[in-house]
Amino acid sequence: MAAHKVVADCDVDAANLHLVLDPTLVDSGDVYGDQIAVRDTSLCQQCGECERRCRFGAITTEDINELACKGCGICVLACPHQALRLETVACGQWFVSETPYGLLAHAKLLPAAESSGRLVTIVRQKAEDLALQRGLPLILIDGSPGIGCTTVAALADVDMALIWRVFTIWSASPS
């Protein structure tokens, strides 16, 4: 569509440009940001205070459900034995690829990760860095649908946006 560009797939929840652009990976990295509770079993007395306080049902005296843990830290504060701590974990990966159509900045959000807005910002930053390094005047961003944080992050400070709205007409036939 356009020459001298960088393409950024900012739909990190359902990234798909890599499926059609035949990328060759050039660079990648992990993105950290989410925190989850981690237990030191040598300090845990299994008093159950963490389990009583966790409103997400993510922690029991035996186990921590990493997918349910929101990293709020109430369990850490509630533990009288300091057996719990919050640990930063990976929430996704960013990628830079060469394609037959130019450079592609894209990412993959890990299942149940909650840092999609941060990941979009990283993809955009990678695309901007590539455009500056290579002297490319245009960044084409494929954003996510809707009005959520990933859409806002993809649209922040853009000069122009093409918004495609599809209308679905539904009719119920009388029974």
C-alpha atoms as a PDB file:
ATOM      1  CA  MET A   1       0.000   0.000   0.000  1.00  0.00           C
ATOM      2  CA  ALA A   2       2.762   2.425   0.875  1.00  0.00           C
ATOM      3  CA  ALA A   3       6.502   2.478   0.377  1.00  0.00           C
ATOM      4  CA  HIS A   4       9.063   3.455   3.004  1.00  0.00           C
ATOM      5  CA  LYS A   5       7.093   2.387   6.058  1.00  0.00           C
ATOM      6  CA  VAL A   6       7.121   0.388   9.241  1.00  0.00           C
ATOM      7  CA  VAL A   7       4.063  -1.699  10.075  1.00  0.00           C
ATOM      8  CA  ALA A   8       3.008  -2.128  13.709  1.00  0.00           C
ATOM      9  CA  ASP A   9       0.532  -4.817  14.731  1.00  0.00           C
ATOM     10  CA  CYS A  10      -0.895  -3.253  17.888  1.00  0.00           C
ATOM     11  CA  ASP A  11      -3.743  -5.728  18.273  1.00  0.00           C
ATOM     12  CA  VAL A  12      -1.691  -7.638  20.842  1.00  0.00           C
ATOM     13  CA  ASP A  13      -4.679  -9.603  22.156  1.00  0.00           C
ATOM     14  CA  ALA A  14      -5.209 -11.131  18.713  1.00  0.00           C
ATOM     15  CA  ALA A  15      -2.129 -10.280  16.655  1.00  0.00           C
ATOM     16  CA  ASN A  16      -2.461 -11.576  13.117  1.00  0.00           C
ATOM     17  CA  LEU A  17      -0.343  -9.550  10.677  1.00  0.00           C
ATOM     18  CA  HIS A  18       2.505 -12.014  11.097  1.00  0.00           C
ATOM     19  CA  LEU A  19       0.202 -14.638   9.551  1.00  0.00           C
ATOM     20  CA  VAL A  20       0.000 -12.797   6.224  1.00  0.00           C
ATOM     21  CA  LEU A  21       3.269 -10.839   6.014  1.00  0.00           C
ATOM     22  CA  ASP A  22       5.668 -13.831   6.084  1.00  0.00           C
ATOM     23  CA  PRO A  23       8.025 -12.380   8.724  1.00  0.00           C
ATOM     24  CA  THR A  24      11.635 -13.285   9.445  1.00  0.00           C
ATOM     25  CA  LEU A  25      12.430 -12.571  13.073  1.00  0.00           C
ATOM     26  CA  VAL A  26      15.170  -9.972  13.624  1.00  0.00           C
ATOM     27  CA  ASP A  27      14.862  -9.160  17.336  1.00  0.00           C
ATOM     28  CA  SER A  28      12.642 -10.005  20.297  1.00  0.00           C
ATOM     29  CA  GLY A  29      12.345  -9.579  24.023  1.00  0.00           C
ATOM     30  CA  ASP A  30      10.192 -10.334  27.020  1.00  0.00           C
ATOM     31  CA  VAL A  31       7.897  -7.754  28.587  1.00  0.00           C
ATOM     32  CA  TYR A  32       7.532  -7.775  32.340  1.00  0.00           C
ATOM     33  CA  GLY A  33       4.975  -5.921  34.370  1.00  0.00           C
ATOM     34  CA  ASP A  34       2.389  -8.084  36.048  1.00  0.00           C
ATOM     35  CA  GLN A  35       3.011  -9.187  39.596  1.00  0.00           C
ATOM     36  CA  ILE A  36       1.860 -12.367  41.300  1.00  0.00           C
ATOM     37  CA  ALA A  37       2.133 -13.692  44.813  1.00  0.00           C
ATOM     38  CA  VAL A  38       4.928 -16.177  45.534  1.00  0.00           C
ATOM     39  CA  ARG A  39       5.155 -18.218  48.732  1.00  0.00           C
ATOM     40  CA  ASP A  40       8.306 -19.131  50.642  1.00  0.00           C
ATOM     41  CA  THR A  41       7.252 -22.543  51.961  1.00  0.00           C
ATOM     42  CA  SER A  42      10.004 -22.542  54.582  1.00  0.00           C
ATOM     43  CA  LEU A  43       8.348 -19.528  56.270  1.00  0.00           C
ATOM     44  CA  CYS A  44       4.693 -20.485  55.741  1.00  0.00           C
ATOM     45  CA  GLN A  45       2.892 -21.718  58.863  1.00  0.00           C
ATOM     46  CA  GLN A  46      -0.345 -22.453  56.912  1.00  0.00           C
ATOM     47  CA  CYS A  47      -2.331 -20.125  59.161  1.00  0.00           C
ATOM     48  CA  GLY A  48      -4.782 -19.380  56.320  1.00  0.00           C
ATOM     49  CA  GLU A  49      -4.749 -15.590  56.758  1.00  0.00           C
ATOM     50  CA  CYS A  50      -3.779 -15.133  53.096  1.00  0.00           C
ATOM     51  CA  GLU A  51      -6.644 -17.353  51.948  1.00  0.00           C
ATOM     52  CA  ARG A  52      -9.161 -15.467  54.098  1.00  0.00           C
ATOM     53  CA  ARG A  53      -8.075 -12.098  52.680  1.00  0.00           C
ATOM     54  CA  CYS A  54      -7.767 -12.925  48.966  1.00  0.00           C
ATOM     55  CA  ARG A  55     -10.941 -11.673  47.302  1.00  0.00           C
ATOM     56  CA  PHE A  56     -10.011 -13.375  44.023  1.00  0.00           C
ATOM     57  CA  GLY A  57      -9.800 -16.893  45.465  1.00  0.00           C
ATOM     58  CA  ALA A  58      -6.285 -17.131  44.069  1.00  0.00           C
ATOM     59  CA  ILE A  59      -4.510 -18.339  47.168  1.00  0.00           C
ATOM     60  CA  THR A  60      -4.960 -21.223  49.568  1.00  0.00           C
ATOM     61  CA  THR A  61      -2.689 -22.542  52.271  1.00  0.00           C
ATOM     62  CA  GLU A  62      -1.406 -25.127  49.760  1.00  0.00           C
ATOM     63  CA  ASP A  63      -1.351 -23.353  46.401  1.00  0.00           C
ATOM     64  CA  ILE A  64      -1.382 -20.062  44.494  1.00  0.00           C
ATOM     65  CA  ASN A  65      -3.401 -19.922  41.267  1.00  0.00           C
ATOM     66  CA  GLU A  66      -1.200 -17.698  39.103  1.00  0.00           C
ATOM     67  CA  LEU A  67      -3.980 -17.092  36.579  1.00  0.00           C
ATOM     68  CA  ALA A  68      -6.387 -15.857  39.262  1.00  0.00           C
ATOM     69  CA  CYS A  69      -3.823 -13.762  41.186  1.00  0.00           C
ATOM     70  CA  LYS A  70      -4.191 -10.046  40.387  1.00  0.00           C
ATOM     71  CA  GLY A  71      -1.029  -8.997  42.214  1.00  0.00           C
ATOM     72  CA  CYS A  72      -2.905  -6.734  44.624  1.00  0.00           C
ATOM     73  CA  GLY A  73      -0.627  -7.676  47.522  1.00  0.00           C
ATOM     74  CA  ILE A  74      -3.243  -8.072  50.250  1.00  0.00           C
ATOM     75  CA  CYS A  75      -1.954 -11.577  50.977  1.00  0.00           C
ATOM     76  CA  VAL A  76       1.558 -10.203  51.446  1.00  0.00           C
ATOM     77  CA  LEU A  77       0.288  -7.622  53.925  1.00  0.00           C
ATOM     78  CA  ALA A  78      -1.923 -10.154  55.732  1.00  0.00           C
ATOM     79  CA  CYS A  79       0.723 -12.851  56.238  1.00  0.00           C
ATOM     80  CA  PRO A  80       2.003 -12.650  59.823  1.00  0.00           C
ATOM     81  CA  HIS A  81       5.027 -14.802  58.912  1.00  0.00           C
ATOM     82  CA  GLN A  82       6.236 -12.795  55.863  1.00  0.00           C
ATOM     83  CA  ALA A  83       5.994 -15.973  53.800  1.00  0.00           C
ATOM     84  CA  LEU A  84       4.587 -14.193  50.726  1.00  0.00           C
ATOM     85  CA  ARG A  85       6.046 -11.641  48.335  1.00  0.00           C
ATOM     86  CA  LEU A  86       5.035 -10.148  44.992  1.00  0.00           C
ATOM     87  CA  GLU A  87       7.206 -11.098  42.052  1.00  0.00           C
ATOM     88  CA  THR A  88       7.221  -9.469  38.631  1.00  0.00           C
ATOM     89  CA  VAL A  89       6.478 -11.922  35.832  1.00  0.00           C
ATOM     90  CA  ALA A  90       6.508 -11.824  32.036  1.00  0.00           C
ATOM     91  CA  CYS A  91       3.249 -10.694  30.444  1.00  0.00           C
ATOM     92  CA  GLY A  92       4.242 -11.006  26.801  1.00  0.00           C
ATOM     93  CA  GLN A  93       6.903 -10.747  24.120  1.00  0.00           C
ATOM     94  CA  TRP A  94       7.699  -8.111  21.506  1.00  0.00           C
ATOM     95  CA  PHE A  95       9.139  -8.887  18.077  1.00  0.00           C
ATOM     96  CA  VAL A  96      10.766  -7.012  15.215  1.00  0.00           C
ATOM     97  CA  SER A  97      10.648  -8.796  11.868  1.00  0.00           C
ATOM     98  CA  GLU A  98      11.624  -8.226   8.267  1.00  0.00           C
ATOM     99  CA  THR A  99       8.869  -8.967   5.761  1.00  0.00           C
ATOM    100  CA  PRO A 100       8.651  -8.728   1.968  1.00  0.00           C
ATOM    101  CA  TYR A 101       6.562  -5.588   2.643  1.00  0.00           C
ATOM    102  CA  GLY A 102       8.963  -3.876   5.055  1.00  0.00           C
ATOM    103  CA  LEU A 103       9.643  -3.939   8.779  1.00  0.00           C
ATOM    104  CA  LEU A 104       7.046  -5.259  11.211  1.00  0.00           C
ATOM    105  CA  ALA A 105       6.842  -4.558  14.949  1.00  0.00           C
ATOM    106  CA  HIS A 106       4.493  -6.965  16.687  1.00  0.00           C
ATOM    107  CA  ALA A 107       3.890  -8.736  19.974  1.00  0.00           C
ATOM    108  CA  LYS A 108       2.254 -11.629  21.737  1.00  0.00           C
ATOM    109  CA  LEU A 109       0.336 -11.199  24.975  1.00  0.00           C
ATOM    110  CA  LEU A 110       0.581 -14.237  27.235  1.00  0.00           C
ATOM    111  CA  PRO A 111      -2.704 -15.935  28.238  1.00  0.00           C
ATOM    112  CA  ALA A 112      -4.469 -14.147  31.116  1.00  0.00           C
ATOM    113  CA  ALA A 113      -1.855 -11.357  31.163  1.00  0.00           C
ATOM    114  CA  GLU A 114      -3.202  -7.914  31.942  1.00  0.00           C
ATOM    115  CA  SER A 115      -0.620  -5.576  30.467  1.00  0.00           C
ATOM    116  CA  SER A 116      -1.971  -5.290  26.932  1.00  0.00           C
ATOM    117  CA  GLY A 117      -1.850  -1.474  26.947  1.00  0.00           C
ATOM    118  CA  ARG A 118       1.791  -1.541  28.008  1.00  0.00           C
ATOM    119  CA  LEU A 119       2.564  -4.080  25.281  1.00  0.00           C
ATOM    120  CA  VAL A 120       0.904  -1.886  22.628  1.00  0.00           C
ATOM    121  CA  THR A 121       3.031   1.046  23.804  1.00  0.00           C
ATOM    122  CA  ILE A 122       6.173  -1.079  23.461  1.00  0.00           C
ATOM    123  CA  VAL A 123       5.213  -2.192  19.924  1.00  0.00           C
ATOM    124  CA  ARG A 124       4.610   1.428  18.949  1.00  0.00           C
ATOM    125  CA  GLN A 125       7.941   2.480  20.464  1.00  0.00           C
ATOM    126  CA  LYS A 126       9.751  -0.263  18.546  1.00  0.00           C
ATOM    127  CA  ALA A 127       8.061   0.898  15.325  1.00  0.00           C
ATOM    128  CA  GLU A 128       9.005   4.522  16.004  1.00  0.00           C
ATOM    129  CA  ASP A 129      12.605   3.555  16.768  1.00  0.00           C
ATOM    130  CA  LEU A 130      12.814   1.556  13.518  1.00  0.00           C
ATOM    131  CA  ALA A 131      11.330   4.430  11.499  1.00  0.00           C
ATOM    132  CA  LEU A 132      13.846   6.887  12.975  1.00  0.00           C
ATOM    133  CA  GLN A 133      16.837   4.543  12.535  1.00  0.00           C
ATOM    134  CA  ARG A 134      15.996   3.774   8.898  1.00  0.00           C
ATOM    135  CA  GLY A 135      14.669   7.216   7.942  1.00  0.00           C
ATOM    136  CA  LEU A 136      11.199   5.873   7.143  1.00  0.00           C
ATOM    137  CA  PRO A 137       8.487   8.567   7.155  1.00  0.00           C
ATOM    138  CA  LEU A 138       5.415   6.389   7.757  1.00  0.00           C
ATOM    139  CA  ILE A 139       4.205   3.997  10.446  1.00  0.00           C
ATOM    140  CA  LEU A 140       1.071   2.000   9.639  1.00  0.00           C
ATOM    141  CA  ILE A 141      -0.630   0.755  12.807  1.00  0.00           C
ATOM    142  CA  ASP A 142      -3.120  -2.096  12.880  1.00  0.00           C
ATOM    143  CA  GLY A 143      -5.072  -1.590  16.094  1.00  0.00           C
ATOM    144  CA  SER A 144      -7.602  -3.606  17.980  1.00  0.00           C
ATOM    145  CA  PRO A 145     -11.355  -3.140  17.674  1.00  0.00           C
ATOM    146  CA  GLY A 146     -13.436  -1.444  20.319  1.00  0.00           C
ATOM    147  CA  ILE A 147     -12.804   1.358  22.768  1.00  0.00           C
ATOM    148  CA  GLY A 148     -10.588  -0.410  25.295  1.00  0.00           C
ATOM    149  CA  CYS A 149      -7.143   0.510  26.548  1.00  0.00           C
ATOM    150  CA  THR A 150      -5.343  -1.219  23.660  1.00  0.00           C
ATOM    151  CA  THR A 151      -7.311   0.840  21.134  1.00  0.00           C
ATOM    152  CA  VAL A 152      -6.558   4.060  22.986  1.00  0.00           C
ATOM    153  CA  ALA A 153      -2.860   3.122  23.242  1.00  0.00           C
ATOM    154  CA  ALA A 154      -2.736   2.377  19.493  1.00  0.00           C
ATOM    155  CA  LEU A 155      -4.415   5.679  18.564  1.00  0.00           C
ATOM    156  CA  ALA A 156      -2.531   8.013  20.928  1.00  0.00           C
ATOM    157  CA  ASP A 157      -0.713  10.798  19.040  1.00  0.00           C
ATOM    158  CA  VAL A 158      -1.419   9.470  15.537  1.00  0.00           C
ATOM    159  CA  ASP A 159      -1.772  11.954  12.689  1.00  0.00           C
ATOM    160  CA  MET A 160      -4.503  10.083  10.846  1.00  0.00           C
ATOM    161  CA  ALA A 161      -6.801   7.118  11.485  1.00  0.00           C
ATOM    162  CA  LEU A 162      -8.876   4.987   9.171  1.00  0.00           C
ATOM    163  CA  ILE A 163     -11.801   3.587  11.105  1.00  0.00           C
ATOM    164  CA  TRP A 164     -13.775   0.806   9.519  1.00  0.00           C
ATOM    165  CA  ARG A 165     -17.223   0.212  10.895  1.00  0.00           C
ATOM    166  CA  VAL A 166     -19.185  -2.825   9.862  1.00  0.00           C
ATOM    167  CA  PHE A 167     -22.909  -2.784  10.375  1.00  0.00           C
ATOM    168  CA  THR A 168     -24.672  -6.039  10.957  1.00  0.00           C
ATOM    169  CA  ILE A 169     -28.334  -6.139  10.190  1.00  0.00           C
ATOM    170  CA  TRP A 170     -30.154  -8.766  12.139  1.00  0.00           C
ATOM    171  CA  SER A 171     -33.791  -9.568  11.782  1.00  0.00           C
ATOM    172  CA  ALA A 172     -35.857 -12.138  13.547  1.00  0.00           C
ATOM    173  CA  SER A 173     -38.438 -13.847  11.466  1.00  0.00           C
ATOM    174  CA  PRO A 174     -41.749 -14.500  13.171  1.00  0.00           C
ATOM    175  CA  SER A 175     -42.245 -18.067  14.326  1.00  0.00           C
END
